[in-house]
Amino acid sequence: MKQPPVLFACSHHRKGNSDLAADLFLEGIQRAGGNAEIVTLGNLDFHHCIGCLKCRTSENNLCIFAAKDEAQELYLKIIHAPFTFFASPIYFYHLPSRLKTFIDRSQWAFEAMNQSAPQLCTLPARPSYACFIAGRPKGEKLFEGAELSLKFCLKFFKASLEPPITFKGIDSPQDLKSQPDKCELLIQAGINAWERSLQA
């Protein structure tokens, strides 16, 4: 396995529930004998997509901002990783703005797939995993928008999003830590993800 799995901690602030979820998933991977890289999106900044569609005709479908921020480097990590994991809070029934900006910037990959670009079309199918954490304790469609956006972004990279782990009513920074059953669920998910990758 050349590049390790990549785990995205997607909250805007540090040491909260989303960061812990990423750490727990990593702990599971490590218990299973593997390792992974954690990328903290909240520490990064990206230009937003401006809808110019230059990626439709540019070389390798590159975004005009590809050399101006770190987004393209992260897309390459997704391309080469055996699997990915996204730990994200839910804001107003959706993903936080930095993750959504990262997703919007993947328009270049959509254009590349539509043109059957070999850098994406020749990739093997791989799984992706997610944990969505909402402070709101109820809501029938609380995670629906987040799941759809992430699912169809990852599809451009030949990655298939597995049904996410979802937690409601996890609001204060220490809420997840105080619920060992949920923590163990994330650890076991990391173990399972690593063991599945060895069988691929």
C-alpha atoms as a PDB file:
ATOM      1  CA  MET A   1       0.000   0.000   0.000  1.00  0.00           C
ATOM      2  CA  LYS A   2       1.967   3.011  -1.264  1.00  0.00           C
ATOM      3  CA  GLN A   3      -0.076   5.955   0.001  1.00  0.00           C
ATOM      4  CA  PRO A   4      -1.830   5.628   3.332  1.00  0.00           C
ATOM      5  CA  PRO A   5      -5.542   6.224   3.750  1.00  0.00           C
ATOM      6  CA  VAL A   6      -6.482   9.867   4.208  1.00  0.00           C
ATOM      7  CA  LEU A   7      -8.801  10.990   6.990  1.00  0.00           C
ATOM      8  CA  PHE A   8     -10.347  14.447   6.704  1.00  0.00           C
ATOM      9  CA  ALA A   9     -11.242  16.286   9.919  1.00  0.00           C
ATOM     10  CA  CYS A  10     -13.671  18.871   8.579  1.00  0.00           C
ATOM     11  CA  SER A  11     -14.659  21.084  11.495  1.00  0.00           C
ATOM     12  CA  HIS A  12     -13.730  24.769  11.555  1.00  0.00           C
ATOM     13  CA  HIS A  13     -12.382  24.482  15.084  1.00  0.00           C
ATOM     14  CA  ARG A  14      -9.950  22.149  16.811  1.00  0.00           C
ATOM     15  CA  LYS A  15     -10.295  19.462  19.461  1.00  0.00           C
ATOM     16  CA  GLY A  16     -14.034  19.055  19.126  1.00  0.00           C
ATOM     17  CA  ASN A  17     -16.191  16.079  18.246  1.00  0.00           C
ATOM     18  CA  SER A  18     -15.206  15.867  14.565  1.00  0.00           C
ATOM     19  CA  ASP A  19     -11.500  15.894  15.377  1.00  0.00           C
ATOM     20  CA  LEU A  20     -12.083  13.169  17.944  1.00  0.00           C
ATOM     21  CA  ALA A  21     -14.035  11.101  15.414  1.00  0.00           C
ATOM     22  CA  ALA A  22     -11.087  11.238  13.018  1.00  0.00           C
ATOM     23  CA  ASP A  23      -8.691  10.307  15.836  1.00  0.00           C
ATOM     24  CA  LEU A  24     -10.857   7.341  16.839  1.00  0.00           C
ATOM     25  CA  PHE A  25     -11.103   6.077  13.264  1.00  0.00           C
ATOM     26  CA  LEU A  26      -7.297   6.355  13.055  1.00  0.00           C
ATOM     27  CA  GLU A  27      -6.986   4.459  16.332  1.00  0.00           C
ATOM     28  CA  GLY A  28      -8.974   1.624  14.798  1.00  0.00           C
ATOM     29  CA  ILE A  29      -6.732   1.546  11.735  1.00  0.00           C
ATOM     30  CA  GLN A  30      -3.668   1.438  13.973  1.00  0.00           C
ATOM     31  CA  ARG A  31      -5.116  -1.333  16.131  1.00  0.00           C
ATOM     32  CA  ALA A  32      -5.552  -3.344  12.940  1.00  0.00           C
ATOM     33  CA  GLY A  33      -1.879  -2.838  12.084  1.00  0.00           C
ATOM     34  CA  GLY A  34      -2.167   0.069   9.662  1.00  0.00           C
ATOM     35  CA  ASN A  35      -1.701   3.802   9.632  1.00  0.00           C
ATOM     36  CA  ALA A  36      -3.290   6.830   7.991  1.00  0.00           C
ATOM     37  CA  GLU A  37      -2.826  10.537   7.441  1.00  0.00           C
ATOM     38  CA  ILE A  38      -5.186  13.067   9.011  1.00  0.00           C
ATOM     39  CA  VAL A  39      -5.845  16.251   7.025  1.00  0.00           C
ATOM     40  CA  THR A  40      -7.380  19.069   9.064  1.00  0.00           C
ATOM     41  CA  LEU A  41      -9.467  21.091   6.626  1.00  0.00           C
ATOM     42  CA  GLY A  42     -10.090  23.757   9.233  1.00  0.00           C
ATOM     43  CA  ASN A  43      -6.405  24.709   9.086  1.00  0.00           C
ATOM     44  CA  LEU A  44      -6.508  25.247   5.324  1.00  0.00           C
ATOM     45  CA  ASP A  45      -8.096  27.787   3.033  1.00  0.00           C
ATOM     46  CA  PHE A  46      -9.241  27.420  -0.571  1.00  0.00           C
ATOM     47  CA  HIS A  47     -10.414  29.700  -3.314  1.00  0.00           C
ATOM     48  CA  HIS A  48     -14.065  29.041  -4.015  1.00  0.00           C
ATOM     49  CA  CYS A  49     -15.241  27.859  -7.412  1.00  0.00           C
ATOM     50  CA  ILE A  50     -16.234  30.877  -9.503  1.00  0.00           C
ATOM     51  CA  GLY A  51     -18.060  28.896 -12.166  1.00  0.00           C
ATOM     52  CA  CYS A  52     -15.718  29.997 -14.966  1.00  0.00           C
ATOM     53  CA  LEU A  53     -15.629  26.468 -16.483  1.00  0.00           C
ATOM     54  CA  LYS A  54     -11.999  26.930 -17.548  1.00  0.00           C
ATOM     55  CA  CYS A  55     -11.442  23.412 -16.183  1.00  0.00           C
ATOM     56  CA  ARG A  56     -13.553  22.140 -19.068  1.00  0.00           C
ATOM     57  CA  THR A  57     -10.831  22.999 -21.596  1.00  0.00           C
ATOM     58  CA  SER A  58      -7.629  23.395 -19.551  1.00  0.00           C
ATOM     59  CA  GLU A  59      -4.751  20.899 -19.644  1.00  0.00           C
ATOM     60  CA  ASN A  60      -5.577  17.969 -17.344  1.00  0.00           C
ATOM     61  CA  ASN A  61      -8.793  19.869 -16.547  1.00  0.00           C
ATOM     62  CA  LEU A  62      -6.948  21.872 -13.929  1.00  0.00           C
ATOM     63  CA  CYS A  63      -8.776  24.609 -12.034  1.00  0.00           C
ATOM     64  CA  ILE A  64      -7.433  28.148 -12.510  1.00  0.00           C
ATOM     65  CA  PHE A  65      -6.673  28.156  -8.768  1.00  0.00           C
ATOM     66  CA  ALA A  66      -4.843  24.803  -8.744  1.00  0.00           C
ATOM     67  CA  ALA A  67      -1.423  26.390  -8.254  1.00  0.00           C
ATOM     68  CA  LYS A  68      -2.692  29.035  -5.832  1.00  0.00           C
ATOM     69  CA  ASP A  69      -3.876  26.949  -2.877  1.00  0.00           C
ATOM     70  CA  GLU A  70      -3.690  23.435  -1.428  1.00  0.00           C
ATOM     71  CA  ALA A  71      -6.917  21.992  -2.818  1.00  0.00           C
ATOM     72  CA  GLN A  72      -5.357  20.175  -5.781  1.00  0.00           C
ATOM     73  CA  GLU A  73      -2.821  18.464  -3.540  1.00  0.00           C
ATOM     74  CA  LEU A  74      -5.690  17.098  -1.464  1.00  0.00           C
ATOM     75  CA  TYR A  75      -7.528  15.823  -4.536  1.00  0.00           C
ATOM     76  CA  LEU A  76      -4.363  13.920  -5.445  1.00  0.00           C
ATOM     77  CA  LYS A  77      -4.400  12.337  -2.000  1.00  0.00           C
ATOM     78  CA  ILE A  78      -7.966  11.159  -2.607  1.00  0.00           C
ATOM     79  CA  ILE A  79      -6.947   9.820  -6.018  1.00  0.00           C
ATOM     80  CA  HIS A  80      -4.082   7.739  -4.623  1.00  0.00           C
ATOM     81  CA  ALA A  81      -5.471   6.695  -1.230  1.00  0.00           C
ATOM     82  CA  PRO A  82      -6.815   3.150  -0.791  1.00  0.00           C
ATOM     83  CA  PHE A  83      -9.718   4.691   1.123  1.00  0.00           C
ATOM     84  CA  THR A  84     -10.774   7.975   2.685  1.00  0.00           C
ATOM     85  CA  PHE A  85     -12.744   9.047   5.738  1.00  0.00           C
ATOM     86  CA  PHE A  86     -14.557  12.320   6.417  1.00  0.00           C
ATOM     87  CA  ALA A  87     -15.501  13.435   9.936  1.00  0.00           C
ATOM     88  CA  SER A  88     -17.757  16.452   9.718  1.00  0.00           C
ATOM     89  CA  PRO A  89     -20.152  18.475  11.818  1.00  0.00           C
ATOM     90  CA  ILE A  90     -23.544  19.309  10.374  1.00  0.00           C
ATOM     91  CA  TYR A  91     -24.398  22.998  10.049  1.00  0.00           C
ATOM     92  CA  PHE A  92     -27.957  23.909   9.035  1.00  0.00           C
ATOM     93  CA  TYR A  93     -28.600  20.394   7.702  1.00  0.00           C
ATOM     94  CA  HIS A  94     -25.428  20.436   5.607  1.00  0.00           C
ATOM     95  CA  LEU A  95     -21.647  20.361   5.529  1.00  0.00           C
ATOM     96  CA  PRO A  96     -19.503  23.186   6.921  1.00  0.00           C
ATOM     97  CA  SER A  97     -18.407  25.835   4.442  1.00  0.00           C
ATOM     98  CA  ARG A  98     -14.780  24.793   4.042  1.00  0.00           C
ATOM     99  CA  LEU A  99     -15.683  21.223   3.139  1.00  0.00           C
ATOM    100  CA  LYS A 100     -18.430  22.454   0.831  1.00  0.00           C
ATOM    101  CA  THR A 101     -15.945  24.792  -0.878  1.00  0.00           C
ATOM    102  CA  PHE A 102     -13.588  21.834  -1.329  1.00  0.00           C
ATOM    103  CA  ILE A 103     -16.423  19.841  -2.872  1.00  0.00           C
ATOM    104  CA  ASP A 104     -17.415  22.700  -5.195  1.00  0.00           C
ATOM    105  CA  ARG A 105     -13.824  22.993  -6.383  1.00  0.00           C
ATOM    106  CA  SER A 106     -13.954  19.370  -7.536  1.00  0.00           C
ATOM    107  CA  GLN A 107     -15.823  20.578 -10.621  1.00  0.00           C
ATOM    108  CA  TRP A 108     -12.553  19.925 -12.472  1.00  0.00           C
ATOM    109  CA  ALA A 109     -12.901  16.208 -11.678  1.00  0.00           C
ATOM    110  CA  PHE A 110     -16.474  16.191 -12.928  1.00  0.00           C
ATOM    111  CA  GLU A 111     -15.260  17.681 -16.216  1.00  0.00           C
ATOM    112  CA  ALA A 112     -12.387  15.186 -16.405  1.00  0.00           C
ATOM    113  CA  MET A 113     -14.723  12.224 -15.867  1.00  0.00           C
ATOM    114  CA  ASN A 114     -17.122  13.533 -18.529  1.00  0.00           C
ATOM    115  CA  GLN A 115     -14.204  13.605 -20.955  1.00  0.00           C
ATOM    116  CA  SER A 116     -13.051  10.103 -19.922  1.00  0.00           C
ATOM    117  CA  ALA A 117      -9.725  11.488 -18.711  1.00  0.00           C
ATOM    118  CA  PRO A 118      -7.396   8.557 -17.938  1.00  0.00           C
ATOM    119  CA  GLN A 119      -6.132  10.086 -14.679  1.00  0.00           C
ATOM    120  CA  LEU A 120      -9.558   9.378 -13.181  1.00  0.00           C
ATOM    121  CA  CYS A 121     -11.236   6.811 -15.413  1.00  0.00           C
ATOM    122  CA  THR A 122      -8.445   4.277 -14.939  1.00  0.00           C
ATOM    123  CA  LEU A 123      -8.602   4.432 -11.142  1.00  0.00           C
ATOM    124  CA  PRO A 124      -9.747   1.344  -9.273  1.00  0.00           C
ATOM    125  CA  ALA A 125     -13.020   1.550  -7.392  1.00  0.00           C
ATOM    126  CA  ARG A 126     -12.389   2.285  -3.719  1.00  0.00           C
ATOM    127  CA  PRO A 127     -14.549   2.852  -0.640  1.00  0.00           C
ATOM    128  CA  SER A 128     -14.931   6.022   1.356  1.00  0.00           C
ATOM    129  CA  TYR A 129     -16.323   6.390   4.861  1.00  0.00           C
ATOM    130  CA  ALA A 130     -17.834   9.254   6.829  1.00  0.00           C
ATOM    131  CA  CYS A 131     -19.069  10.283  10.236  1.00  0.00           C
ATOM    132  CA  PHE A 132     -21.573  13.157  10.427  1.00  0.00           C
ATOM    133  CA  ILE A 133     -22.115  14.765  13.819  1.00  0.00           C
ATOM    134  CA  ALA A 134     -25.083  17.016  14.535  1.00  0.00           C
ATOM    135  CA  GLY A 135     -25.816  19.044  17.617  1.00  0.00           C
ATOM    136  CA  ARG A 136     -29.500  18.946  16.748  1.00  0.00           C
ATOM    137  CA  PRO A 137     -31.141  15.988  18.528  1.00  0.00           C
ATOM    138  CA  LYS A 138     -33.792  15.311  15.884  1.00  0.00           C
ATOM    139  CA  GLY A 139     -34.544  15.777  12.205  1.00  0.00           C
ATOM    140  CA  GLU A 140     -35.667  13.114   9.748  1.00  0.00           C
ATOM    141  CA  LYS A 141     -33.475  14.470   6.914  1.00  0.00           C
ATOM    142  CA  LEU A 142     -30.733  15.911   9.090  1.00  0.00           C
ATOM    143  CA  PHE A 143     -27.888  14.192   7.216  1.00  0.00           C
ATOM    144  CA  GLU A 144     -29.447  13.775   3.780  1.00  0.00           C
ATOM    145  CA  GLY A 145     -27.983  16.843   2.045  1.00  0.00           C
ATOM    146  CA  ALA A 146     -24.501  16.259   3.459  1.00  0.00           C
ATOM    147  CA  GLU A 147     -24.467  12.637   2.371  1.00  0.00           C
ATOM    148  CA  LEU A 148     -25.615  13.399  -1.184  1.00  0.00           C
ATOM    149  CA  SER A 149     -23.063  16.171  -1.726  1.00  0.00           C
ATOM    150  CA  LEU A 150     -20.148  14.115  -0.453  1.00  0.00           C
ATOM    151  CA  LYS A 151     -21.316  10.970  -2.252  1.00  0.00           C
ATOM    152  CA  PHE A 152     -21.453  12.542  -5.692  1.00  0.00           C
ATOM    153  CA  CYS A 153     -18.203  14.459  -5.251  1.00  0.00           C
ATOM    154  CA  LEU A 154     -16.369  11.237  -4.377  1.00  0.00           C
ATOM    155  CA  LYS A 155     -17.933   9.505  -7.350  1.00  0.00           C
ATOM    156  CA  PHE A 156     -15.748  11.673  -9.638  1.00  0.00           C
ATOM    157  CA  PHE A 157     -12.711  10.027  -7.997  1.00  0.00           C
ATOM    158  CA  LYS A 158     -14.042   6.448  -8.367  1.00  0.00           C
ATOM    159  CA  ALA A 159     -14.698   6.367  -4.612  1.00  0.00           C
ATOM    160  CA  SER A 160     -17.974   4.987  -3.312  1.00  0.00           C
ATOM    161  CA  LEU A 161     -19.319   6.457  -0.074  1.00  0.00           C
ATOM    162  CA  GLU A 162     -20.450   3.800   2.377  1.00  0.00           C
ATOM    163  CA  PRO A 163     -23.487   4.574   4.568  1.00  0.00           C
ATOM    164  CA  PRO A 164     -22.179   7.200   7.007  1.00  0.00           C
ATOM    165  CA  ILE A 165     -22.023   6.850  10.755  1.00  0.00           C
ATOM    166  CA  THR A 166     -24.391   9.524  12.058  1.00  0.00           C
ATOM    167  CA  PHE A 167     -24.744  10.973  15.545  1.00  0.00           C
ATOM    168  CA  LYS A 168     -27.466  13.377  16.706  1.00  0.00           C
ATOM    169  CA  GLY A 169     -27.416  15.508  19.834  1.00  0.00           C
ATOM    170  CA  ILE A 170     -23.621  15.699  19.980  1.00  0.00           C
ATOM    171  CA  ASP A 171     -23.136  19.418  20.535  1.00  0.00           C
ATOM    172  CA  SER A 172     -20.688  20.412  23.275  1.00  0.00           C
ATOM    173  CA  PRO A 173     -16.983  19.734  22.558  1.00  0.00           C
ATOM    174  CA  GLN A 174     -16.769  16.799  24.977  1.00  0.00           C
ATOM    175  CA  ASP A 175     -20.097  15.124  24.120  1.00  0.00           C
ATOM    176  CA  LEU A 176     -18.669  12.380  21.921  1.00  0.00           C
ATOM    177  CA  LYS A 177     -15.847  11.619  24.321  1.00  0.00           C
ATOM    178  CA  SER A 178     -18.382  11.041  27.095  1.00  0.00           C
ATOM    179  CA  GLN A 179     -20.182   8.291  25.130  1.00  0.00           C
ATOM    180  CA  PRO A 180     -17.906   5.213  24.983  1.00  0.00           C
ATOM    181  CA  ASP A 181     -20.294   3.198  22.810  1.00  0.00           C
ATOM    182  CA  LYS A 182     -20.076   5.765  20.024  1.00  0.00           C
ATOM    183  CA  CYS A 183     -16.312   6.003  20.394  1.00  0.00           C
ATOM    184  CA  GLU A 184     -15.982   2.231  20.119  1.00  0.00           C
ATOM    185  CA  LEU A 185     -18.184   2.265  17.013  1.00  0.00           C
ATOM    186  CA  LEU A 186     -15.711   4.608  15.302  1.00  0.00           C
ATOM    187  CA  ILE A 187     -12.718   2.546  16.390  1.00  0.00           C
ATOM    188  CA  GLN A 188     -14.325  -0.612  15.029  1.00  0.00           C
ATOM    189  CA  ALA A 189     -15.146   1.200  11.777  1.00  0.00           C
ATOM    190  CA  GLY A 190     -11.454   2.029  11.397  1.00  0.00           C
ATOM    191  CA  ILE A 191     -10.486  -1.580  12.053  1.00  0.00           C
ATOM    192  CA  ASN A 192     -12.988  -2.798   9.471  1.00  0.00           C
ATOM    193  CA  ALA A 193     -11.863  -0.260   6.879  1.00  0.00           C
ATOM    194  CA  TRP A 194      -8.222  -1.272   7.182  1.00  0.00           C
ATOM    195  CA  GLU A 195      -8.954  -4.995   7.073  1.00  0.00           C
ATOM    196  CA  ARG A 196     -11.164  -4.500   4.013  1.00  0.00           C
ATOM    197  CA  SER A 197      -8.365  -2.594   2.255  1.00  0.00           C
ATOM    198  CA  LEU A 198      -6.013  -5.549   2.718  1.00  0.00           C
ATOM    199  CA  GLN A 199      -8.464  -7.775   0.876  1.00  0.00           C
ATOM    200  CA  ALA A 200      -8.825  -5.442  -2.111  1.00  0.00           C
END
